């Protein structure tokens, strides 16, 4: 289980509008309804999957497991394995650091 992973595509800076000076761009932006598209946006695979909804995405949610854990917590029988948590946090940090160095 990962606590947050980087997007599969790096962020892309918007392209400046072709044939416009900076002053012209600010004037047209101030006039409502007169703006024209000036940038193309690429959506990452992760964003496309999230936007497509749950139907198309593979679900990693196990409602029975959640019910078992909820019941164990309510009964006072749920135990936390700090070594497993630490191992997964370290593995996640190493993965993130490995991707950042490339």
N, C-alpha and C. Protein backbone atom coordinates (compact mmCIF):
# COMPACT_ATOMS: atom_id res chain seq x y z
N UNK A 1 0.85 -1.18 0.00
CA UNK A 1 0.00 0.00 0.00
C UNK A 1 0.89 1.23 0.00
N UNK A 2 0.63 2.13 -0.88
CA UNK A 2 1.42 3.34 -0.97
C UNK A 2 0.60 4.52 -0.47
N UNK A 3 1.29 5.43 0.18
CA UNK A 3 0.62 6.60 0.73
C UNK A 3 0.74 7.75 -0.23
N UNK A 4 0.69 7.63 -1.43
CA UNK A 4 0.82 8.74 -2.36
C UNK A 4 1.95 8.44 -3.32
N UNK A 5 1.64 8.51 -4.57
CA UNK A 5 2.65 8.24 -5.56
C UNK A 5 2.65 9.35 -6.58
N UNK A 6 3.78 9.63 -7.14
CA UNK A 6 3.83 10.71 -8.13
C UNK A 6 3.03 10.34 -9.37
N UNK A 7 2.60 11.34 -10.08
CA UNK A 7 1.84 11.11 -11.31
C UNK A 7 2.74 10.42 -12.32
N UNK A 8 2.15 9.72 -13.26
CA UNK A 8 2.95 9.00 -14.23
C UNK A 8 3.51 9.91 -15.32
N UNK A 9 3.14 11.16 -15.32
CA UNK A 9 3.72 12.14 -16.23
C UNK A 9 4.12 13.37 -15.43
N UNK A 10 5.25 13.97 -15.75
CA UNK A 10 5.64 15.19 -15.04
C UNK A 10 4.73 16.35 -15.44
N UNK A 11 4.58 17.36 -14.57
CA UNK A 11 3.75 18.51 -14.93
C UNK A 11 4.34 19.24 -16.12
N UNK A 12 3.46 19.76 -16.95
CA UNK A 12 3.87 20.46 -18.16
C UNK A 12 3.49 21.93 -18.03
N UNK A 13 4.46 22.81 -18.31
CA UNK A 13 4.19 24.24 -18.26
C UNK A 13 3.33 24.63 -19.45
N UNK A 14 2.37 25.55 -19.27
CA UNK A 14 1.54 25.97 -20.39
C UNK A 14 2.36 26.71 -21.44
N UNK A 15 2.01 26.49 -22.69
CA UNK A 15 2.72 27.16 -23.79
C UNK A 15 2.18 28.57 -23.95
N UNK A 16 3.05 29.54 -24.25
CA UNK A 16 2.56 30.91 -24.45
C UNK A 16 1.71 30.98 -25.71
N UNK A 17 0.76 31.90 -25.72
CA UNK A 17 -0.11 32.07 -26.88
C UNK A 17 0.71 32.55 -28.07
N UNK A 18 0.49 31.96 -29.22
CA UNK A 18 1.25 32.31 -30.41
C UNK A 18 0.83 33.67 -30.94
N UNK A 19 1.81 34.52 -31.27
CA UNK A 19 1.53 35.80 -31.91
C UNK A 19 0.99 36.88 -30.99
N UNK A 20 1.06 36.67 -29.70
CA UNK A 20 0.56 37.69 -28.77
C UNK A 20 1.69 38.19 -27.90
N UNK A 21 1.63 39.44 -27.59
CA UNK A 21 2.56 40.02 -26.63
C UNK A 21 1.96 39.84 -25.24
N UNK A 22 2.77 40.00 -24.20
CA UNK A 22 2.28 39.84 -22.84
C UNK A 22 1.18 40.84 -22.53
N UNK A 23 1.29 42.05 -23.02
CA UNK A 23 0.27 43.07 -22.77
C UNK A 23 -1.04 42.71 -23.44
N UNK A 24 -1.00 42.17 -24.65
CA UNK A 24 -2.22 41.78 -25.34
C UNK A 24 -2.93 40.65 -24.61
N UNK A 25 -2.17 39.72 -24.08
CA UNK A 25 -2.76 38.59 -23.38
C UNK A 25 -3.50 39.05 -22.13
N UNK A 26 -2.95 40.03 -21.42
CA UNK A 26 -3.61 40.49 -20.21
C UNK A 26 -4.88 41.26 -20.55
N UNK A 27 -4.91 41.96 -21.67
CA UNK A 27 -6.11 42.69 -22.07
C UNK A 27 -7.23 41.74 -22.45
N UNK A 28 -6.92 40.68 -23.19
CA UNK A 28 -7.97 39.75 -23.59
C UNK A 28 -8.45 38.91 -22.42
N UNK A 29 -7.58 38.66 -21.47
CA UNK A 29 -7.99 37.88 -20.30
C UNK A 29 -8.96 38.67 -19.44
N UNK A 30 -8.88 39.99 -19.48
CA UNK A 30 -9.76 40.82 -18.66
C UNK A 30 -11.14 40.96 -19.28
N UNK A 31 -11.29 40.67 -20.56
CA UNK A 31 -12.58 40.80 -21.23
C UNK A 31 -13.31 39.47 -21.18
N UNK A 32 -14.42 39.39 -20.43
CA UNK A 32 -15.13 38.12 -20.33
C UNK A 32 -15.73 37.70 -21.68
N UNK A 33 -15.67 36.40 -21.95
CA UNK A 33 -16.28 35.87 -23.15
C UNK A 33 -15.45 36.01 -24.40
N UNK A 34 -14.32 36.71 -24.35
CA UNK A 34 -13.53 36.91 -25.56
C UNK A 34 -12.25 36.07 -25.56
N UNK A 35 -12.05 35.26 -24.55
CA UNK A 35 -10.83 34.46 -24.47
C UNK A 35 -10.89 33.32 -25.47
N UNK A 36 -9.75 33.04 -26.07
CA UNK A 36 -9.66 31.92 -26.99
C UNK A 36 -8.68 30.92 -26.41
N UNK A 37 -8.81 29.65 -26.74
CA UNK A 37 -7.90 28.65 -26.18
C UNK A 37 -6.46 28.94 -26.57
N UNK A 38 -5.56 28.82 -25.61
CA UNK A 38 -4.17 29.15 -25.90
C UNK A 38 -3.21 28.05 -25.50
N UNK A 39 -3.70 26.97 -24.93
CA UNK A 39 -2.80 25.91 -24.50
C UNK A 39 -3.45 24.55 -24.71
N UNK A 40 -2.62 23.58 -25.01
CA UNK A 40 -3.10 22.21 -25.14
C UNK A 40 -2.73 21.49 -23.85
N UNK A 41 -3.64 20.69 -23.33
CA UNK A 41 -3.42 20.00 -22.08
C UNK A 41 -3.39 18.50 -22.33
N UNK A 42 -2.38 17.83 -21.82
CA UNK A 42 -2.29 16.38 -21.89
C UNK A 42 -2.64 15.82 -20.52
N UNK A 43 -3.56 14.88 -20.50
CA UNK A 43 -3.99 14.27 -19.25
C UNK A 43 -3.20 12.98 -19.05
N UNK A 44 -2.68 12.79 -17.85
CA UNK A 44 -1.91 11.58 -17.56
C UNK A 44 -2.83 10.37 -17.55
N UNK A 45 -2.23 9.19 -17.64
CA UNK A 45 -3.00 7.95 -17.60
C UNK A 45 -3.75 7.82 -16.28
N UNK A 46 -3.12 8.23 -15.19
CA UNK A 46 -3.76 8.15 -13.88
C UNK A 46 -4.99 9.04 -13.83
N UNK A 47 -4.87 10.27 -14.31
CA UNK A 47 -6.01 11.19 -14.32
C UNK A 47 -7.12 10.66 -15.21
N UNK A 48 -6.77 10.11 -16.36
CA UNK A 48 -7.78 9.57 -17.26
C UNK A 48 -8.53 8.42 -16.61
N UNK A 49 -7.82 7.57 -15.88
CA UNK A 49 -8.46 6.46 -15.17
C UNK A 49 -9.39 6.98 -14.10
N UNK A 50 -8.95 7.98 -13.34
CA UNK A 50 -9.79 8.55 -12.30
C UNK A 50 -11.03 9.22 -12.88
N UNK A 51 -10.85 9.89 -14.02
CA UNK A 51 -11.98 10.58 -14.63
C UNK A 51 -12.98 9.61 -15.26
N UNK A 52 -12.53 8.42 -15.65
CA UNK A 52 -13.42 7.46 -16.29
C UNK A 52 -14.38 6.82 -15.29
N UNK A 53 -14.13 6.99 -14.03
CA UNK A 53 -15.04 6.46 -13.02
C UNK A 53 -14.61 5.09 -12.55
N UNK A 54 -15.34 4.57 -11.61
CA UNK A 54 -15.01 3.30 -10.99
C UNK A 54 -15.30 2.14 -11.94
N UNK A 55 -16.23 2.29 -12.87
CA UNK A 55 -16.61 1.19 -13.75
C UNK A 55 -15.43 0.65 -14.55
N UNK A 56 -14.64 1.54 -15.12
CA UNK A 56 -13.53 1.12 -15.96
C UNK A 56 -12.27 0.81 -15.18
N UNK A 57 -12.17 1.27 -13.96
CA UNK A 57 -10.95 1.09 -13.18
C UNK A 57 -11.01 -0.21 -12.38
N UNK A 58 -9.84 -0.77 -12.14
CA UNK A 58 -9.80 -1.96 -11.30
C UNK A 58 -9.89 -1.50 -9.86
N UNK A 59 -10.71 -2.17 -9.10
CA UNK A 59 -10.95 -1.77 -7.73
C UNK A 59 -10.04 -2.55 -6.79
N UNK A 60 -9.40 -1.84 -5.88
CA UNK A 60 -8.57 -2.47 -4.87
C UNK A 60 -9.27 -2.43 -3.51
N UNK A 61 -10.54 -2.08 -3.48
CA UNK A 61 -11.28 -1.94 -2.24
C UNK A 61 -11.92 -3.27 -1.88
N UNK A 62 -11.64 -3.76 -0.69
CA UNK A 62 -12.19 -5.03 -0.22
C UNK A 62 -13.10 -4.72 0.97
N UNK A 63 -14.40 -4.65 0.71
CA UNK A 63 -15.34 -4.26 1.76
C UNK A 63 -15.40 -5.29 2.88
N UNK A 64 -15.20 -6.58 2.57
CA UNK A 64 -15.21 -7.60 3.62
C UNK A 64 -14.02 -7.41 4.56
N UNK A 65 -12.87 -7.07 4.00
CA UNK A 65 -11.68 -6.84 4.84
C UNK A 65 -11.90 -5.63 5.73
N UNK A 66 -12.51 -4.58 5.18
CA UNK A 66 -12.81 -3.38 5.97
C UNK A 66 -13.75 -3.74 7.11
N UNK A 67 -14.76 -4.56 6.83
CA UNK A 67 -15.71 -4.97 7.88
C UNK A 67 -15.01 -5.78 8.96
N UNK A 68 -14.10 -6.69 8.56
CA UNK A 68 -13.36 -7.49 9.55
C UNK A 68 -12.48 -6.60 10.43
N UNK A 69 -11.79 -5.65 9.82
CA UNK A 69 -10.91 -4.76 10.59
C UNK A 69 -11.73 -3.87 11.50
N UNK A 70 -12.85 -3.35 10.99
CA UNK A 70 -13.72 -2.50 11.81
C UNK A 70 -14.23 -3.27 13.02
N UNK A 71 -14.62 -4.53 12.82
CA UNK A 71 -15.10 -5.35 13.92
C UNK A 71 -13.98 -5.65 14.91
N UNK A 72 -12.78 -5.92 14.41
CA UNK A 72 -11.64 -6.19 15.30
C UNK A 72 -11.31 -4.97 16.14
N UNK A 73 -11.39 -3.78 15.54
CA UNK A 73 -11.15 -2.55 16.30
C UNK A 73 -12.22 -2.38 17.36
N UNK A 74 -13.48 -2.60 16.99
CA UNK A 74 -14.59 -2.46 17.94
C UNK A 74 -14.45 -3.45 19.10
N UNK A 75 -13.96 -4.66 18.81
CA UNK A 75 -13.80 -5.68 19.84
C UNK A 75 -12.50 -5.51 20.64
N UNK A 76 -11.64 -4.59 20.21
CA UNK A 76 -10.37 -4.39 20.89
C UNK A 76 -9.35 -5.45 20.56
N UNK A 77 -9.53 -6.16 19.45
CA UNK A 77 -8.64 -7.25 19.06
C UNK A 77 -7.70 -6.89 17.92
N UNK A 78 -7.78 -5.67 17.41
CA UNK A 78 -6.94 -5.28 16.28
C UNK A 78 -5.54 -4.96 16.78
N UNK A 79 -4.55 -5.59 16.18
CA UNK A 79 -3.17 -5.33 16.56
C UNK A 79 -2.44 -4.68 15.39
N UNK A 80 -1.56 -3.77 15.72
CA UNK A 80 -0.78 -3.06 14.73
C UNK A 80 0.61 -3.68 14.69
N UNK A 81 1.11 -3.92 13.48
CA UNK A 81 2.46 -4.47 13.31
C UNK A 81 3.38 -3.32 12.91
N UNK A 82 4.05 -2.69 13.88
CA UNK A 82 4.88 -1.52 13.56
C UNK A 82 6.04 -1.84 12.62
N UNK A 83 6.57 -3.07 12.67
CA UNK A 83 7.67 -3.44 11.77
C UNK A 83 7.20 -3.44 10.32
N UNK A 84 6.00 -3.97 10.07
CA UNK A 84 5.47 -4.00 8.70
C UNK A 84 5.22 -2.58 8.19
N UNK A 85 4.70 -1.73 9.07
CA UNK A 85 4.45 -0.33 8.68
C UNK A 85 5.77 0.36 8.35
N UNK A 86 6.77 0.16 9.21
CA UNK A 86 8.08 0.79 8.98
C UNK A 86 8.71 0.28 7.68
N UNK A 87 8.62 -1.03 7.45
CA UNK A 87 9.20 -1.60 6.23
C UNK A 87 8.55 -1.01 4.98
N UNK A 88 7.23 -0.87 4.99
CA UNK A 88 6.53 -0.32 3.83
C UNK A 88 6.83 1.16 3.64
N UNK A 89 6.95 1.91 4.74
CA UNK A 89 7.31 3.32 4.63
C UNK A 89 8.72 3.49 4.05
N UNK A 90 9.64 2.66 4.50
CA UNK A 90 11.01 2.73 3.99
C UNK A 90 11.05 2.35 2.51
N UNK A 91 10.34 1.29 2.14
CA UNK A 91 10.31 0.87 0.73
C UNK A 91 9.71 1.96 -0.15
N UNK A 92 8.65 2.61 0.34
CA UNK A 92 8.01 3.68 -0.42
C UNK A 92 8.97 4.87 -0.58
N UNK A 93 9.67 5.22 0.50
CA UNK A 93 10.63 6.33 0.43
C UNK A 93 11.77 6.00 -0.53
N UNK A 94 12.26 4.77 -0.49
CA UNK A 94 13.34 4.37 -1.40
C UNK A 94 12.88 4.43 -2.85
N UNK A 95 11.65 4.01 -3.10
CA UNK A 95 11.11 4.07 -4.46
C UNK A 95 11.01 5.51 -4.94
N UNK A 96 10.51 6.39 -4.08
CA UNK A 96 10.39 7.80 -4.45
C UNK A 96 11.75 8.43 -4.68
N UNK A 97 12.72 8.12 -3.83
CA UNK A 97 14.06 8.66 -4.00
C UNK A 97 14.72 8.11 -5.26
N UNK A 98 14.46 6.86 -5.58
CA UNK A 98 15.00 6.27 -6.79
C UNK A 98 14.45 6.92 -8.04
N UNK A 99 13.16 7.25 -8.04
CA UNK A 99 12.55 7.92 -9.19
C UNK A 99 13.04 9.36 -9.30
N UNK A 100 13.31 10.01 -8.17
CA UNK A 100 13.74 11.40 -8.19
C UNK A 100 15.17 11.53 -8.72
N UNK A 101 15.99 10.49 -8.55
CA UNK A 101 17.38 10.58 -8.98
C UNK A 101 17.55 10.31 -10.47
N UNK A 102 16.54 9.81 -11.14
CA UNK A 102 16.64 9.49 -12.58
C UNK A 102 16.43 10.69 -13.42
